[in-house]
Amino acid sequence: MDGAYFKPMIGKKFGETKLLILSESAYSWRDKDGKLVDPSPTHPTENLLYWGIEHFGKPGFYTTLGRALCRKKTPSIDELKQAWNEYAYTIFVQGSVGEGWKSRPTSKQWQDAAPCFVQLIETIRPLKVIVTGKTMWNGYMPGCTGPHLSDDIQAYKLSEGNLVWCLAIHHPARGVHWEEIGEQIRMFRSIEFPIRD
């Protein structure tokens, strides 16, 4: 994908479910020697496997979302792998937003991310996208080009006319209860939306 830095993680069952989870951004960190490390193009896969599965339980994005997807507080590694295998997962802002989790994307990074997202959905063709962050959804994602059911459920129309439905949820690292997010995702998955206008 031209212009994209991050390569999405594609779960083994994505071809059946056509579900995409979109997170906001990634940051750089210091290694044990104090050297600044930037996220690599394969960061969505690496970070998900490390924090979302192998080291599950640290408070934050991956633990909240893992609980929500599995619909239980202490899922096993196998349950987490099975849940994430139903999705593709990637990051909206391309590249690092700076050092540390408090770093925020610049206006240019937000702006540059929008066409990469459109190209991504044209390429992998999900049916549904879970957008994890209402700040990103309301202010920085490209405007939806398909039907508008509510402020938080809208669709993009792909080049051939198929629709990609999006659900915007609160960012999972912002203190939202995993049960609430899990129920929103479950309901969104169960709705049969029209595939075309």
Protein backbone atom coordinates (compact mmCIF):
# COMPACT_ATOMS: atom_id res chain seq x y z
CA MET A 1 0.00 0.00 0.00
CA ASP A 2 1.56 3.26 -1.13
CA GLY A 3 2.21 5.69 1.69
CA ALA A 4 1.39 3.20 4.44
CA TYR A 5 4.05 2.37 7.00
CA PHE A 6 2.30 -0.24 9.12
CA LYS A 7 1.42 -3.68 7.78
CA PRO A 8 -1.84 -4.98 9.23
CA MET A 9 -2.01 -8.18 11.23
CA ILE A 10 -4.40 -10.46 9.35
CA GLY A 11 -5.98 -13.14 11.53
CA LYS A 12 -6.41 -16.67 10.18
CA LYS A 13 -10.22 -16.29 10.08
CA PHE A 14 -10.33 -12.76 8.69
CA GLY A 15 -11.28 -14.16 5.28
CA GLU A 16 -14.47 -15.54 6.86
CA THR A 17 -15.37 -12.71 9.24
CA LYS A 18 -14.03 -9.66 7.35
CA LEU A 19 -13.64 -7.74 10.63
CA LEU A 20 -10.98 -5.05 11.14
CA ILE A 21 -9.93 -3.41 14.40
CA LEU A 22 -8.33 0.01 13.99
CA SER A 23 -6.30 1.60 16.79
CA GLU A 24 -5.15 5.19 16.85
CA SER A 25 -1.37 5.43 17.01
CA ALA A 26 1.94 3.95 18.17
CA TYR A 27 4.83 5.54 20.04
CA SER A 28 8.58 5.05 20.42
CA TRP A 29 10.21 3.72 23.61
CA ARG A 30 13.60 3.28 25.24
CA ASP A 31 15.22 -0.16 25.25
CA LYS A 32 17.20 -1.53 28.21
CA ASP A 33 20.29 0.38 27.02
CA GLY A 34 18.41 3.67 26.78
CA LYS A 35 18.34 3.69 22.98
CA LEU A 36 15.18 5.09 21.40
CA VAL A 37 13.29 2.41 19.45
CA ASP A 38 10.70 3.29 16.84
CA PRO A 39 7.85 0.92 16.01
CA SER A 40 8.62 -1.21 12.94
CA PRO A 41 6.26 -1.73 9.99
CA THR A 42 5.25 -5.06 11.58
CA HIS A 43 4.44 -3.36 14.91
CA PRO A 44 0.69 -4.16 14.80
CA THR A 45 1.44 -7.89 14.75
CA GLU A 46 4.42 -7.77 17.13
CA ASN A 47 2.75 -5.55 19.72
CA LEU A 48 -0.49 -7.50 19.64
CA LEU A 49 1.30 -10.82 20.13
CA TYR A 50 3.52 -9.45 22.91
CA TRP A 51 1.08 -7.30 24.93
CA GLY A 52 -2.25 -8.64 23.75
CA ILE A 53 -1.52 -12.34 24.08
CA GLU A 54 1.84 -13.39 25.55
CA HIS A 55 1.92 -10.72 28.32
CA PHE A 56 -1.81 -10.19 28.66
CA GLY A 57 -2.98 -8.48 31.83
CA LYS A 58 -1.13 -5.18 31.95
CA PRO A 59 -3.78 -2.43 32.25
CA GLY A 60 -4.41 -0.65 28.97
CA PHE A 61 -5.54 -1.03 25.38
CA TYR A 62 -4.73 -4.68 24.68
CA THR A 63 -5.98 -6.06 27.99
CA THR A 64 -9.28 -4.16 27.83
CA LEU A 65 -9.83 -5.13 24.20
CA GLY A 66 -8.78 -8.76 24.75
CA ARG A 67 -11.28 -9.08 27.59
CA ALA A 68 -13.97 -7.46 25.45
CA LEU A 69 -13.33 -9.77 22.48
CA CYS A 70 -13.26 -12.90 24.66
CA ARG A 71 -16.10 -11.61 26.87
CA LYS A 72 -14.34 -12.64 30.06
CA LYS A 73 -11.94 -11.05 32.53
CA THR A 74 -9.21 -13.69 32.46
CA PRO A 75 -9.13 -15.37 29.05
CA SER A 76 -6.52 -18.01 28.36
CA ILE A 77 -3.80 -17.56 25.76
CA ASP A 78 -5.69 -19.94 23.47
CA GLU A 79 -8.92 -17.95 23.89
CA LEU A 80 -7.08 -14.71 23.09
CA LYS A 81 -5.47 -16.23 19.99
CA GLN A 82 -8.83 -17.56 18.79
CA ALA A 83 -10.53 -14.20 19.36
CA TRP A 84 -7.85 -12.12 17.60
CA ASN A 85 -7.70 -14.60 14.69
CA GLU A 86 -11.16 -13.42 13.67
CA TYR A 87 -9.85 -9.93 12.95
CA ALA A 88 -7.39 -7.93 10.98
CA TYR A 89 -5.73 -5.29 13.15
CA THR A 90 -3.76 -2.18 12.33
CA ILE A 91 -2.88 1.35 13.39
CA PHE A 92 -4.36 4.48 11.79
CA VAL A 93 -1.50 7.00 12.20
CA GLN A 94 1.48 5.77 10.20
CA GLY A 95 4.77 5.70 12.13
CA SER A 96 5.70 6.86 15.64
CA VAL A 97 3.96 9.81 17.27
CA GLY A 98 6.97 10.40 19.57
CA GLU A 99 8.49 8.97 22.71
CA GLY A 100 6.13 7.48 25.28
CA TRP A 101 2.45 6.72 25.55
CA LYS A 102 1.48 10.33 26.28
CA SER A 103 2.69 11.47 22.85
CA ARG A 104 -0.02 12.63 20.46
CA PRO A 105 -0.13 12.69 16.64
CA THR A 106 0.66 15.95 14.87
CA SER A 107 -1.88 17.55 12.57
CA LYS A 108 0.18 16.37 9.59
CA GLN A 109 0.27 12.78 10.86
CA TRP A 110 -3.52 12.76 11.22
CA GLN A 111 -3.91 14.25 7.76
CA ASP A 112 -1.45 11.82 6.14
CA ALA A 113 -3.16 8.82 7.77
CA ALA A 114 -6.57 9.36 6.15
CA PRO A 115 -5.68 8.31 2.57
CA CYS A 116 -3.73 5.31 3.92
CA PHE A 117 -6.87 4.13 5.70
CA VAL A 118 -8.97 4.46 2.55
CA GLN A 119 -6.35 2.52 0.60
CA LEU A 120 -6.26 -0.15 3.32
CA ILE A 121 -9.99 -0.84 3.21
CA GLU A 122 -9.91 -0.86 -0.59
CA THR A 123 -7.12 -3.46 -0.39
CA ILE A 124 -8.25 -5.85 2.36
CA ARG A 125 -11.99 -5.21 1.93
CA PRO A 126 -13.40 -5.66 5.43
CA LEU A 127 -17.15 -5.72 5.91
CA LYS A 128 -16.96 -4.09 9.34
CA VAL A 129 -14.43 -1.91 11.17
CA ILE A 130 -14.22 -1.30 14.91
CA VAL A 131 -12.66 2.13 15.37
CA THR A 132 -11.09 2.34 18.84
CA GLY A 133 -11.17 6.00 19.67
CA LYS A 134 -13.84 8.63 19.23
CA THR A 135 -11.30 11.46 19.00
CA MET A 136 -9.86 9.76 15.92
CA TRP A 137 -13.34 8.97 14.56
CA ASN A 138 -14.87 12.40 15.08
CA GLY A 139 -11.94 14.55 14.07
CA TYR A 140 -9.42 12.82 11.87
CA MET A 141 -10.72 9.89 9.87
CA PRO A 142 -11.82 10.61 6.31
CA GLY A 143 -15.51 11.43 6.01
CA CYS A 144 -17.76 8.45 5.45
CA THR A 145 -19.04 8.16 1.90
CA GLY A 146 -21.87 5.70 2.53
CA PRO A 147 -24.96 5.51 4.75
CA HIS A 148 -25.01 7.26 8.12
CA LEU A 149 -27.06 5.38 10.76
CA SER A 150 -25.85 7.33 13.80
CA ASP A 151 -22.89 9.37 14.95
CA ASP A 152 -21.04 6.16 15.79
CA ILE A 153 -22.23 3.81 13.01
CA GLN A 154 -21.49 4.87 9.44
CA ALA A 155 -20.21 3.32 6.24
CA TYR A 156 -17.57 3.94 3.61
CA LYS A 157 -18.40 3.10 0.02
CA LEU A 158 -15.62 1.26 -1.78
CA SER A 159 -14.75 1.95 -5.41
CA GLU A 160 -16.99 -0.84 -6.73
CA GLY A 161 -19.89 0.22 -4.49
CA ASN A 162 -19.60 -2.24 -1.59
CA LEU A 163 -20.03 -0.80 1.90
CA VAL A 164 -17.64 -1.02 4.83
CA TRP A 165 -19.53 -0.37 8.08
CA CYS A 166 -17.74 1.27 11.01
CA LEU A 167 -18.51 1.32 14.72
CA ALA A 168 -16.72 3.99 16.78
CA ILE A 169 -16.13 3.06 20.42
CA HIS A 170 -14.36 4.85 23.24
CA HIS A 171 -10.64 4.16 23.36
CA PRO A 172 -10.10 0.96 25.40
CA ALA A 173 -7.21 2.51 27.37
CA ARG A 174 -9.36 5.41 28.62
CA GLY A 175 -10.98 3.64 31.60
CA VAL A 176 -13.98 2.24 29.75
CA HIS A 177 -15.23 -1.05 31.16
CA TRP A 178 -14.37 -4.04 28.99
CA GLU A 179 -17.89 -5.44 29.45
CA GLU A 180 -19.37 -2.35 27.78
CA ILE A 181 -16.95 -2.53 24.86
CA GLY A 182 -17.56 -6.27 24.52
CA GLU A 183 -21.31 -5.75 24.31
CA GLN A 184 -20.94 -2.98 21.70
CA ILE A 185 -18.72 -5.21 19.56
CA ARG A 186 -21.03 -8.23 19.97
CA MET A 187 -24.07 -6.21 18.89
CA PHE A 188 -22.22 -4.61 15.97
CA ARG A 189 -21.04 -8.02 14.75
CA SER A 190 -24.58 -9.41 14.92
CA ILE A 191 -26.22 -6.68 12.81
CA GLU A 192 -26.74 -7.60 9.16
CA PHE A 193 -26.01 -4.41 7.29
CA PRO A 194 -26.67 -3.97 3.59
CA ILE A 195 -23.57 -4.76 1.55
CA ARG A 196 -24.39 -2.06 -1.01
CA ASP A 197 -26.49 1.14 -0.99
